[in-house]
Amino acid sequence: MAVVVLAGGVLTVVHERSNSDDATRREVVAIAASIANEPSTAEAIVSNDPTGRLQPETEKIRGVTGVDFIVVMAPDRTRFTHTTVDLIGKPFSGNIDRALQGETFTETYVGSLGPSIRAVTPVTDSAGTIVGLVSAGVTRAKISDQFFQGLPLIVGVVVAAFVVATVGSVLLARRLRRQTLGLAPDELRSMYEHHDAVLHSISEGLVVFGRKNSAEIVNDEARRLLDLPDGPVHRTDLPESLQQMKSGTVHGELHVTDNRILVVNQDPVMWEGHRLGDVLTVRDRTELQGVMGELDSVRSFAESLRSQAHESANRLHTVITMVELGRPQEAVEFATADLELSQHLIDRLMTAVSEPALAALLLGKVSQAAEQGVELSITEDTALDHAGSVTPRELVTLVGNLIDNAIDASKEAEQPWVEVTVRDSASELLVRVSDSGPGMPADVLERALTRGYSTKSGSRGLGLALVTQVVRRYHGALTSEITYGSVLTARIPLDRPA
């Protein structure tokens, strides 16, 4: 800023000096022309005493206008007037050829009074004949004096501009430091390079929101996990459950989107007691959740087997005791009664359900429900020949979570029961799970389909969110009814092979 102001001041001085010379030229031309155009000037030149008539008048004009000399001369250069009386009658020093040709001109010439800017113009009589010449001029010394008299004003303006520029620079620097949190330009560059490298290399999604809920930073992983579009990102572009998150601290929340299960953390960004925005981090837990679901299924099967082994041991002891008591017929009837019922269910499911994983899941859930005091029945119209593009893992996730939720809900009744139907038709896969629980109205179901909702106290509840993830993936529908009990029905369109 100092260099700019100084350069501006120098240019102003040069321009003012040039303007001063131009103004002097215009002034001396005007004075010389005014005197030459007066008829009395031509009459005095051709009179017997031109000096006597012209000298007083030219000195009076010189005193009023402030020029340094006014010379009226004959065409042969003989001076009739001059500021220095001793020079009257002597030849004029300077160029007059152009004036003798009828032209008015200016020049810078070193004359008897030193360097000066002068104008020379012809004097003509009534017939148009040149009878004399008039020259008016101002010395360079006087022009310089006038220029230096105005120089303090220019210097004052330059100094004032420098002060304003300095104050502006200080205020601008302070503002920039506030906006950059006190970081210097090289520190900002280094930080940007490091942060850019980190943002593209980390395996977590990162979104930094400003005060207006628009994202200031979005890395590649965040766009992939949240299916965000290219370009600017706002909170309204996030999945529905994330849009409902309020500003503040969130740690380890599970959110279910159409394709993924995400672990979300959020922390506010504070500076000097003011909230600047929020930092949102997202981790993919889809595969881990799938593995945990399979582990839960295996654990459930193991618990079922343990329960059955314990029950079988009790029944075996009962049969042995009855034989020892001499009642073999009753022992045989007791041993085969439950076996026939269990074998009938196994045979029916293995025949009606073509997917082994689903058949095993249903058999395991029957035993698991019985262990918890819940009667779980598989309807007679259960039959699955083709699940379309739904994978066995997705089928287990869909049916297993609906049954688990139904078992938990049914326990609120005095005689808890759960009824399951799984069948396919020409156009759709239908999964219907009914229970003796209180049921779920439409608004409760809507909340249950979002992240983390649960009707069970102290539970984060991902079951129905996982169910709706599978249903929506295949453009299906999940509905809730309260008829003979609480009924949840999932319908998925089937794309059967030709």
Protein backbone atom coordinates (compact mmCIF):
# COMPACT_ATOMS: atom_id res chain seq x y z
CA MET A 1 0.00 0.00 0.00
CA ALA A 2 2.90 2.35 0.72
CA VAL A 3 4.35 1.71 -2.74
CA VAL A 4 0.96 2.31 -4.36
CA VAL A 5 0.40 5.57 -2.48
CA LEU A 6 3.96 6.77 -3.20
CA ALA A 7 3.61 5.94 -6.89
CA GLY A 8 0.29 7.77 -6.96
CA GLY A 9 1.88 10.80 -5.29
CA VAL A 10 4.77 10.90 -7.80
CA LEU A 11 2.36 10.62 -10.72
CA THR A 12 0.27 13.42 -9.23
CA VAL A 13 3.34 15.69 -8.92
CA VAL A 14 4.42 14.97 -12.51
CA HIS A 15 0.90 15.52 -13.78
CA GLU A 16 0.53 18.75 -11.82
CA ARG A 17 3.82 20.07 -13.17
CA SER A 18 2.71 19.28 -16.72
CA ASN A 19 -0.64 20.94 -16.08
CA SER A 20 1.15 24.02 -14.72
CA ASP A 21 3.16 24.42 -17.95
CA ASP A 22 0.02 23.96 -20.08
CA ALA A 23 -1.89 26.51 -18.03
CA THR A 24 1.01 29.02 -18.38
CA ARG A 25 1.03 28.57 -22.18
CA ARG A 26 -2.70 29.19 -22.39
CA GLU A 27 -2.36 32.26 -20.19
CA VAL A 28 0.47 33.95 -22.13
CA VAL A 29 -1.27 33.24 -25.46
CA ALA A 30 -4.46 34.85 -24.18
CA ILE A 31 -2.60 37.95 -22.90
CA ALA A 32 -0.52 38.41 -26.04
CA ALA A 33 -3.55 37.93 -28.32
CA SER A 34 -5.67 40.38 -26.30
CA ILE A 35 -3.04 43.12 -26.61
CA ALA A 36 -2.39 42.41 -30.30
CA ASN A 37 -6.07 42.52 -31.18
CA GLU A 38 -6.58 45.97 -29.67
CA PRO A 39 -6.75 48.63 -32.52
CA SER A 40 -4.86 51.07 -30.28
CA THR A 41 -1.84 48.76 -30.29
CA ALA A 42 -1.42 48.96 -34.08
CA GLU A 43 -1.99 52.74 -34.02
CA ALA A 44 0.64 53.20 -31.29
CA ILE A 45 3.22 51.10 -33.19
CA VAL A 46 2.97 53.29 -36.29
CA SER A 47 2.86 56.53 -34.27
CA ASN A 48 5.81 58.84 -33.60
CA ASP A 49 6.18 57.67 -29.94
CA PRO A 50 5.21 53.99 -29.65
CA THR A 51 7.10 53.48 -26.36
CA GLY A 52 5.44 56.40 -24.68
CA ARG A 53 2.02 55.16 -25.59
CA LEU A 54 2.52 51.41 -25.05
CA GLN A 55 4.94 51.09 -22.08
CA PRO A 56 2.50 52.34 -19.39
CA GLU A 57 -0.33 50.18 -20.70
CA THR A 58 1.73 46.98 -20.97
CA GLU A 59 3.18 47.44 -17.47
CA LYS A 60 -0.30 47.94 -16.08
CA ILE A 61 -1.49 44.73 -17.78
CA ARG A 62 1.63 42.87 -16.60
CA GLY A 63 0.96 43.90 -13.03
CA VAL A 64 -2.65 42.74 -13.19
CA THR A 65 -1.99 39.40 -14.94
CA GLY A 66 1.20 38.46 -13.10
CA VAL A 67 3.29 37.64 -16.15
CA ASP A 68 7.01 38.49 -16.09
CA PHE A 69 7.25 40.48 -19.30
CA ILE A 70 5.17 41.92 -22.16
CA VAL A 71 7.16 43.01 -25.18
CA VAL A 72 5.71 44.96 -28.12
CA MET A 73 8.19 45.10 -30.99
CA ALA A 74 8.58 46.09 -34.58
CA PRO A 75 8.83 43.46 -37.31
CA ASP A 76 12.61 44.00 -37.24
CA ARG A 77 12.74 42.87 -33.52
CA THR A 78 13.15 46.42 -32.10
CA ARG A 79 11.53 46.45 -28.63
CA PHE A 80 9.02 49.25 -27.88
CA THR A 81 8.23 47.93 -24.35
CA HIS A 82 9.94 45.75 -21.76
CA THR A 83 9.95 45.16 -18.04
CA THR A 84 13.62 46.22 -17.95
CA VAL A 85 13.61 49.78 -19.33
CA ASP A 86 17.27 49.54 -20.43
CA LEU A 87 16.35 46.86 -22.95
CA ILE A 88 13.83 49.08 -24.77
CA GLY A 89 15.08 49.88 -28.25
CA LYS A 90 17.26 46.80 -28.36
CA PRO A 91 16.47 43.76 -30.50
CA PHE A 92 14.16 41.01 -29.14
CA SER A 93 15.89 37.69 -28.47
CA GLY A 94 13.79 34.75 -29.57
CA ASN A 95 12.03 33.24 -32.55
CA ILE A 96 9.56 35.42 -34.49
CA ASP A 97 9.54 33.85 -37.97
CA ARG A 98 6.22 32.01 -37.48
CA ALA A 99 4.62 35.18 -36.08
CA LEU A 100 5.77 37.17 -39.11
CA GLN A 101 3.84 34.64 -41.20
CA GLY A 102 0.64 35.42 -39.23
CA GLU A 103 0.79 32.49 -36.72
CA THR A 104 0.53 32.66 -32.92
CA PHE A 105 2.86 30.18 -31.18
CA THR A 106 4.52 29.41 -27.84
CA GLU A 107 8.02 28.29 -26.96
CA THR A 108 10.38 27.80 -24.05
CA TYR A 109 13.34 30.13 -24.53
CA VAL A 110 16.26 31.46 -22.50
CA GLY A 111 15.94 35.22 -22.85
CA SER A 112 17.14 38.29 -21.01
CA LEU A 113 15.19 37.28 -17.86
CA GLY A 114 16.28 33.63 -18.03
CA PRO A 115 14.34 30.52 -19.18
CA SER A 116 10.70 31.33 -19.79
CA ILE A 117 7.55 30.13 -21.49
CA ARG A 118 6.53 32.82 -23.99
CA ALA A 119 3.91 33.44 -26.66
CA VAL A 120 4.47 35.50 -29.81
CA THR A 121 1.57 36.82 -31.93
CA PRO A 122 1.39 39.30 -34.85
CA VAL A 123 -0.21 42.79 -34.75
CA THR A 124 -2.05 43.82 -37.92
CA ASP A 125 -3.56 47.15 -39.04
CA SER A 126 -6.99 47.62 -40.56
CA ALA A 127 -5.68 46.52 -43.93
CA GLY A 128 -4.33 43.22 -42.49
CA THR A 129 -0.68 44.20 -42.80
CA ILE A 130 1.63 43.03 -39.99
CA VAL A 131 2.94 46.19 -38.36
CA GLY A 132 4.42 44.64 -35.22
CA LEU A 133 4.57 41.72 -32.79
CA VAL A 134 3.55 41.15 -29.15
CA SER A 135 5.29 38.65 -26.84
CA ALA A 136 4.17 37.80 -23.28
CA GLY A 137 5.98 35.33 -21.03
CA VAL A 138 6.49 33.86 -17.56
CA THR A 139 9.88 32.75 -16.34
CA ARG A 140 10.53 29.16 -15.28
CA ALA A 141 11.58 30.39 -11.86
CA LYS A 142 8.16 31.91 -11.26
CA ILE A 143 6.40 28.79 -12.55
CA SER A 144 8.48 26.68 -10.15
CA ASP A 145 7.67 29.02 -7.25
CA GLN A 146 3.95 28.69 -7.99
CA PHE A 147 4.30 24.91 -8.27
CA PHE A 148 6.14 24.62 -4.95
CA GLN A 149 3.50 26.76 -3.27
CA GLY A 150 0.90 24.13 -4.19
CA LEU A 151 3.19 21.21 -3.36
CA PRO A 152 2.33 21.10 0.39
CA LEU A 153 -1.30 20.43 -0.51
CA ILE A 154 -0.25 17.50 -2.72
CA VAL A 155 2.08 16.17 -0.02
CA GLY A 156 -0.72 16.54 2.54
CA VAL A 157 -3.09 14.55 0.36
CA VAL A 158 -0.46 11.85 -0.16
CA VAL A 159 0.22 11.64 3.58
CA ALA A 160 -3.50 11.47 4.31
CA ALA A 161 -3.89 8.72 1.71
CA PHE A 162 -0.97 6.84 3.27
CA VAL A 163 -2.57 7.10 6.72
CA VAL A 164 -5.91 5.88 5.38
CA ALA A 165 -4.15 3.05 3.52
CA THR A 166 -2.22 2.07 6.65
CA VAL A 167 -5.34 2.03 8.82
CA GLY A 168 -7.20 0.08 6.12
CA SER A 169 -4.36 -2.42 5.84
CA VAL A 170 -4.30 -2.95 9.60
CA LEU A 171 -8.08 -3.45 9.74
CA LEU A 172 -7.97 -5.77 6.74
CA ALA A 173 -5.14 -7.78 8.29
CA ARG A 174 -7.09 -8.12 11.55
CA ARG A 175 -10.18 -9.24 9.67
CA LEU A 176 -8.20 -11.81 7.70
CA ARG A 177 -6.58 -13.10 10.88
CA ARG A 178 -10.02 -13.53 12.45
CA GLN A 179 -11.31 -15.36 9.41
CA THR A 180 -8.23 -17.60 9.19
CA LEU A 181 -8.12 -18.13 12.97
CA GLY A 182 -4.74 -16.43 13.17
CA LEU A 183 -3.04 -18.64 10.57
CA ALA A 184 -0.54 -17.15 8.14
CA PRO A 185 -0.84 -17.79 4.37
CA ASP A 186 1.95 -20.40 4.32
CA GLU A 187 0.34 -22.16 7.29
CA LEU A 188 -3.01 -22.16 5.49
CA ARG A 189 -1.42 -23.62 2.37
CA SER A 190 0.34 -26.34 4.36
CA MET A 191 -2.85 -27.12 6.30
CA TYR A 192 -4.87 -27.31 3.08
CA GLU A 193 -2.40 -29.73 1.49
CA HIS A 194 -2.37 -31.97 4.57
CA HIS A 195 -6.14 -31.87 5.05
CA ASP A 196 -6.80 -32.55 1.37
CA ALA A 197 -4.53 -35.59 1.48
CA VAL A 198 -6.19 -36.84 4.69
CA LEU A 199 -9.73 -36.30 3.38
CA HIS A 200 -9.06 -38.42 0.31
CA SER A 201 -7.21 -41.16 2.17
CA ILE A 202 -9.35 -41.87 5.25
CA SER A 203 -11.83 -44.72 5.06
CA GLU A 204 -14.52 -42.84 7.00
CA GLY A 205 -17.04 -40.47 5.46
CA LEU A 206 -16.59 -36.86 6.61
CA VAL A 207 -19.06 -33.99 6.20
CA VAL A 208 -18.47 -30.55 7.75
CA PHE A 209 -21.59 -28.37 7.95
CA GLY A 210 -21.52 -24.59 8.40
CA ARG A 211 -24.01 -22.43 10.26
CA LYS A 212 -26.49 -22.46 7.37
CA ASN A 213 -26.62 -26.30 7.20
CA SER A 214 -24.70 -26.35 3.93
CA ALA A 215 -21.68 -28.64 3.71
CA GLU A 216 -18.32 -26.90 3.48
CA ILE A 217 -16.31 -30.15 3.25
CA VAL A 218 -17.47 -33.49 1.85
CA ASN A 219 -14.93 -36.22 1.17
CA ASP A 220 -15.22 -39.02 -1.40
CA GLU A 221 -16.14 -41.71 1.13
CA ALA A 222 -19.04 -39.63 2.48
CA ARG A 223 -20.46 -39.18 -1.02
CA ARG A 224 -20.22 -42.94 -1.57
CA LEU A 225 -21.73 -44.03 1.74
CA LEU A 226 -24.53 -41.45 1.73
CA ASP A 227 -25.17 -41.54 -2.04
CA LEU A 228 -24.65 -37.77 -2.25
CA PRO A 229 -24.74 -35.96 -5.59
CA ASP A 230 -21.78 -34.10 -7.06
CA GLY A 231 -21.53 -30.41 -6.26
CA PRO A 232 -22.84 -28.54 -3.19
CA VAL A 233 -24.42 -30.60 -0.42
CA HIS A 234 -27.11 -29.54 2.07
CA ARG A 235 -28.66 -31.41 4.99
CA THR A 236 -31.72 -32.06 2.84
CA ASP A 237 -29.51 -34.19 0.57
CA LEU A 238 -28.73 -36.64 3.40
CA PRO A 239 -30.74 -39.84 4.00
CA GLU A 240 -34.02 -39.18 5.82
CA SER A 241 -32.92 -40.37 9.26
CA LEU A 242 -29.79 -38.17 9.12
CA GLN A 243 -31.87 -35.14 8.13
CA GLN A 244 -33.74 -35.46 11.43
CA MET A 245 -30.54 -35.25 13.50
CA LYS A 246 -30.30 -32.02 15.43
CA SER A 247 -27.11 -30.03 15.80
CA GLY A 248 -25.04 -31.22 18.74
CA THR A 249 -23.03 -34.18 19.98
CA VAL A 250 -23.95 -37.65 18.72
CA HIS A 251 -21.82 -40.73 19.36
CA GLY A 252 -22.22 -44.17 17.78
CA GLU A 253 -25.75 -43.85 16.39
CA LEU A 254 -26.80 -46.56 13.95
CA HIS A 255 -28.62 -45.34 10.84
CA VAL A 256 -30.14 -47.56 8.18
CA THR A 257 -30.31 -46.34 4.59
CA ASP A 258 -31.74 -48.19 1.60
CA ASN A 259 -28.44 -50.00 1.03
CA ARG A 260 -26.28 -49.66 4.14
CA ILE A 261 -26.08 -49.69 7.89
CA LEU A 262 -24.02 -46.72 9.10
CA VAL A 263 -22.44 -45.71 12.39
CA VAL A 264 -22.73 -41.93 12.75
CA ASN A 265 -20.86 -39.52 15.04
CA GLN A 266 -21.40 -35.77 15.20
CA ASP A 267 -19.58 -33.06 17.15
CA PRO A 268 -20.10 -29.28 17.10
CA VAL A 269 -17.21 -27.03 16.02
CA MET A 270 -16.68 -24.27 18.59
CA TRP A 271 -14.47 -21.17 18.43
CA GLU A 272 -14.32 -18.63 21.26
CA GLY A 273 -17.69 -19.78 22.57
CA HIS A 274 -19.46 -19.60 19.22
CA ARG A 275 -20.67 -22.62 17.23
CA LEU A 276 -19.24 -22.57 13.72
CA GLY A 277 -20.95 -25.75 12.52
CA ASP A 278 -20.92 -29.53 12.94
CA VAL A 279 -18.53 -32.32 11.94
CA LEU A 280 -20.29 -35.50 10.84
CA THR A 281 -18.36 -38.78 10.49
CA VAL A 282 -19.86 -41.92 8.95
CA ARG A 283 -18.58 -45.51 9.05
CA ASP A 284 -19.98 -48.44 7.06
CA ARG A 285 -21.24 -51.29 9.23
CA THR A 286 -23.24 -53.15 6.60
CA GLU A 287 -21.02 -56.22 6.32
CA LEU A 288 -20.38 -56.31 10.06
CA GLN A 289 -24.10 -56.16 10.76
CA GLY A 290 -24.68 -58.99 8.30
CA VAL A 291 -22.06 -61.12 10.03
CA MET A 292 -23.55 -60.25 13.44
CA GLY A 293 -26.98 -61.25 12.13
CA GLU A 294 -25.63 -64.60 10.99
CA LEU A 295 -23.88 -65.01 14.35
CA ASP A 296 -27.14 -64.28 16.16
CA SER A 297 -28.84 -66.91 14.00
CA VAL A 298 -26.14 -69.46 14.81
CA ARG A 299 -26.36 -68.56 18.49
CA SER A 300 -30.11 -68.95 18.33
CA PHE A 301 -29.75 -72.36 16.71
CA ALA A 302 -27.19 -73.36 19.32
CA GLU A 303 -29.48 -72.26 22.15
CA SER A 304 -32.33 -74.17 20.53
CA LEU A 305 -30.20 -77.32 20.28
CA ARG A 306 -29.10 -76.93 23.88
CA SER A 307 -32.69 -76.57 24.98
CA GLN A 308 -33.75 -79.57 22.93
CA ALA A 309 -30.87 -81.64 24.27
CA HIS A 310 -31.87 -80.76 27.83
CA GLU A 311 -35.51 -81.55 27.11
CA SER A 312 -34.54 -84.80 25.37
CA ALA A 313 -32.50 -85.86 28.39
CA ASN A 314 -35.51 -85.28 30.67
CA ARG A 315 -37.76 -87.27 28.35
CA LEU A 316 -35.23 -90.10 28.10
CA HIS A 317 -35.06 -90.35 31.88
CA THR A 318 -38.85 -90.41 31.98
CA VAL A 319 -39.04 -93.21 29.39
CA ILE A 320 -36.39 -95.30 31.22
CA THR A 321 -38.20 -94.88 34.53
CA MET A 322 -41.54 -95.91 33.00
CA VAL A 323 -39.92 -99.07 31.54
CA GLU A 324 -38.38 -99.87 34.90
CA LEU A 325 -41.81 -99.52 36.47
CA GLY A 326 -43.15 -102.16 34.10
CA ARG A 327 -45.17 -99.83 31.88
CA PRO A 328 -43.45 -100.18 28.46
CA GLN A 329 -46.57 -99.37 26.38
CA GLU A 330 -47.05 -95.99 28.06
CA ALA A 331 -43.31 -95.37 27.66
CA VAL A 332 -43.50 -95.93 23.90
CA GLU A 333 -46.55 -93.66 23.54
CA PHE A 334 -44.85 -90.93 25.57
CA ALA A 335 -41.61 -91.11 23.55
CA THR A 336 -43.25 -91.04 20.13
CA ALA A 337 -45.97 -88.40 20.72
CA ASP A 338 -43.75 -85.27 20.56
CA LEU A 339 -41.44 -86.91 18.03
CA GLU A 340 -44.26 -87.42 15.57
CA LEU A 341 -45.38 -83.79 15.95
CA SER A 342 -41.86 -82.46 15.49
CA GLN A 343 -41.13 -84.76 12.56
CA HIS A 344 -44.37 -83.75 10.89
CA LEU A 345 -43.37 -80.05 11.06
CA ILE A 346 -39.90 -80.82 9.72
CA ASP A 347 -41.25 -82.89 6.86
CA ARG A 348 -43.82 -80.25 5.96
CA LEU A 349 -41.32 -77.37 5.95
CA MET A 350 -38.65 -79.25 4.02
CA THR A 351 -41.26 -80.17 1.40
CA ALA A 352 -42.98 -76.76 1.17
CA VAL A 353 -39.95 -74.46 1.51
CA SER A 354 -37.29 -74.82 -1.17
CA GLU A 355 -34.78 -72.58 0.60
CA PRO A 356 -32.90 -74.61 3.28
CA ALA A 357 -31.77 -71.53 5.18
CA LEU A 358 -35.36 -70.33 5.61
CA ALA A 359 -36.59 -73.79 6.63
CA ALA A 360 -33.84 -74.07 9.23
CA LEU A 361 -34.64 -70.56 10.48
CA LEU A 362 -38.34 -71.36 10.94
CA LEU A 363 -37.59 -74.63 12.77
CA GLY A 364 -35.12 -72.84 15.03
CA LYS A 365 -37.56 -70.03 15.79
CA VAL A 366 -40.25 -72.55 16.77
CA SER A 367 -37.94 -74.05 19.40
CA GLN A 368 -36.69 -70.61 20.49
CA ALA A 369 -40.24 -69.35 20.97
CA ALA A 370 -41.26 -72.47 22.90
CA GLU A 371 -38.33 -71.99 25.24
CA GLN A 372 -39.59 -68.45 25.96
CA GLY A 373 -43.16 -69.64 26.56
CA VAL A 374 -44.49 -68.42 23.20
CA GLU A 375 -46.48 -70.67 20.88
CA LEU A 376 -45.12 -70.16 17.36
CA SER A 377 -47.00 -71.82 14.51
CA ILE A 378 -46.24 -72.05 10.81
CA THR A 379 -49.45 -71.80 8.76
CA GLU A 380 -50.45 -74.62 6.45
CA ASP A 381 -50.33 -72.37 3.39
CA THR A 382 -46.64 -71.62 3.92
CA ALA A 383 -44.87 -72.60 0.70
CA LEU A 384 -41.87 -71.05 -1.00
CA ASP A 385 -40.80 -72.26 -4.41
CA HIS A 386 -39.00 -69.20 -5.76
CA ALA A 387 -37.78 -66.09 -3.88
CA GLY A 388 -36.94 -64.16 -7.02
CA SER A 389 -33.79 -62.06 -6.76
CA VAL A 390 -34.00 -61.96 -2.93
CA THR A 391 -30.87 -63.68 -1.59
CA PRO A 392 -31.00 -66.29 1.21
CA ARG A 393 -29.25 -63.86 3.57
CA GLU A 394 -31.84 -61.15 2.84
CA LEU A 395 -34.65 -63.66 3.24
CA VAL A 396 -33.31 -64.72 6.66
CA THR A 397 -32.92 -61.06 7.65
CA LEU A 398 -36.49 -60.27 6.60
CA VAL A 399 -38.25 -63.24 8.19
CA GLY A 400 -35.97 -63.55 11.23
CA ASN A 401 -36.35 -59.94 12.37
CA LEU A 402 -40.12 -59.96 11.89
CA ILE A 403 -40.40 -63.14 14.01
CA ASP A 404 -38.05 -61.80 16.72
CA ASN A 405 -40.07 -58.60 17.03
CA ALA A 406 -43.32 -60.58 17.11
CA ILE A 407 -42.03 -62.91 19.86
CA ASP A 408 -41.01 -59.93 21.99
CA ALA A 409 -44.33 -58.14 21.40
CA SER A 410 -46.48 -61.22 22.07
CA LYS A 411 -45.16 -61.60 25.62
CA GLU A 412 -47.42 -58.74 26.72
CA ALA A 413 -50.43 -61.09 26.33
CA GLU A 414 -51.44 -63.68 28.92
CA GLN A 415 -51.25 -66.46 26.33
CA PRO A 416 -48.56 -65.32 23.88
CA TRP A 417 -48.64 -66.68 20.35
CA VAL A 418 -47.02 -65.95 16.96
CA GLU A 419 -48.21 -67.08 13.55
CA VAL A 420 -45.94 -67.05 10.47
CA THR A 421 -46.82 -67.29 6.78
CA VAL A 422 -44.23 -67.29 3.98
CA ARG A 423 -45.39 -67.96 0.44
CA ASP A 424 -44.81 -66.90 -3.12
CA SER A 425 -47.30 -66.36 -5.91
CA ALA A 426 -47.02 -65.57 -9.57
CA SER A 427 -46.18 -61.92 -8.87
CA GLU A 428 -44.94 -61.48 -5.31
CA LEU A 429 -43.26 -62.87 -2.22
CA LEU A 430 -45.44 -62.52 0.88
CA VAL A 431 -44.23 -62.71 4.47
CA ARG A 432 -46.94 -62.27 7.14
CA VAL A 433 -46.20 -62.43 10.86
CA SER A 434 -49.04 -62.11 13.37
CA ASP A 435 -48.78 -62.02 17.16
CA SER A 436 -50.83 -61.50 20.29
CA GLY A 437 -49.15 -58.19 21.04
CA PRO A 438 -50.79 -54.73 21.17
CA GLY A 439 -50.02 -54.00 17.50
CA MET A 440 -48.46 -51.01 15.74
CA PRO A 441 -50.56 -48.12 14.39
CA ALA A 442 -49.43 -46.51 11.12
CA ASP A 443 -47.57 -43.60 12.81
CA VAL A 444 -45.72 -45.98 15.15
CA LEU A 445 -44.75 -48.18 12.21
CA GLU A 446 -43.42 -45.13 10.34
CA ARG A 447 -41.10 -44.31 13.26
CA ALA A 448 -40.14 -47.98 13.61
CA LEU A 449 -38.87 -48.02 10.04
CA THR A 450 -36.28 -45.32 10.82
CA ARG A 451 -32.93 -45.63 12.54
CA GLY A 452 -32.81 -46.75 16.12
CA TYR A 453 -36.52 -46.72 16.96
CA SER A 454 -37.74 -49.44 19.28
CA THR A 455 -40.90 -50.08 21.30
CA LYS A 456 -38.69 -51.89 23.82
CA SER A 457 -37.25 -49.69 26.58
CA GLY A 458 -33.49 -49.46 26.59
CA SER A 459 -33.17 -50.94 23.10
CA ARG A 460 -31.82 -49.27 20.01
CA GLY A 461 -34.07 -51.44 17.76
CA LEU A 462 -32.66 -52.10 14.30
CA GLY A 463 -34.97 -55.01 13.45
CA LEU A 464 -37.68 -53.24 11.50
CA ALA A 465 -35.17 -50.84 9.98
CA LEU A 466 -33.30 -53.84 8.54
CA VAL A 467 -36.58 -55.31 7.34
CA THR A 468 -37.59 -52.13 5.52
CA GLN A 469 -34.09 -51.90 4.01
CA VAL A 470 -34.67 -55.27 2.29
CA VAL A 471 -38.24 -54.39 1.30
CA ARG A 472 -37.33 -51.03 -0.22
CA ARG A 473 -34.35 -52.51 -2.04
CA TYR A 474 -36.79 -54.58 -4.10
CA HIS A 475 -39.48 -51.85 -4.27
CA GLY A 476 -41.82 -53.74 -1.97
CA ALA A 477 -44.17 -52.60 0.80
CA LEU A 478 -44.48 -53.19 4.55
CA THR A 479 -47.89 -52.69 6.18
CA SER A 480 -49.33 -53.05 9.66
CA GLU A 481 -52.85 -54.13 10.65
CA ILE A 482 -54.60 -54.81 13.94
CA THR A 483 -57.25 -57.49 13.29
CA TYR A 484 -57.25 -60.81 15.13
CA GLY A 485 -53.90 -59.66 16.46
CA SER A 486 -51.01 -57.51 15.37
CA VAL A 487 -50.26 -58.32 11.73
CA LEU A 488 -47.17 -57.16 9.83
CA THR A 489 -47.12 -57.99 6.12
CA ALA A 490 -44.15 -57.60 3.76
CA ARG A 491 -44.80 -57.86 0.01
CA ILE A 492 -41.92 -57.97 -2.51
CA PRO A 493 -42.55 -58.09 -6.28
CA LEU A 494 -41.03 -61.18 -7.90
CA ASP A 495 -39.18 -61.28 -11.20
CA ARG A 496 -39.60 -64.91 -12.15
CA PRO A 497 -37.43 -66.43 -14.88
CA ALA A 498 -39.21 -67.15 -18.16
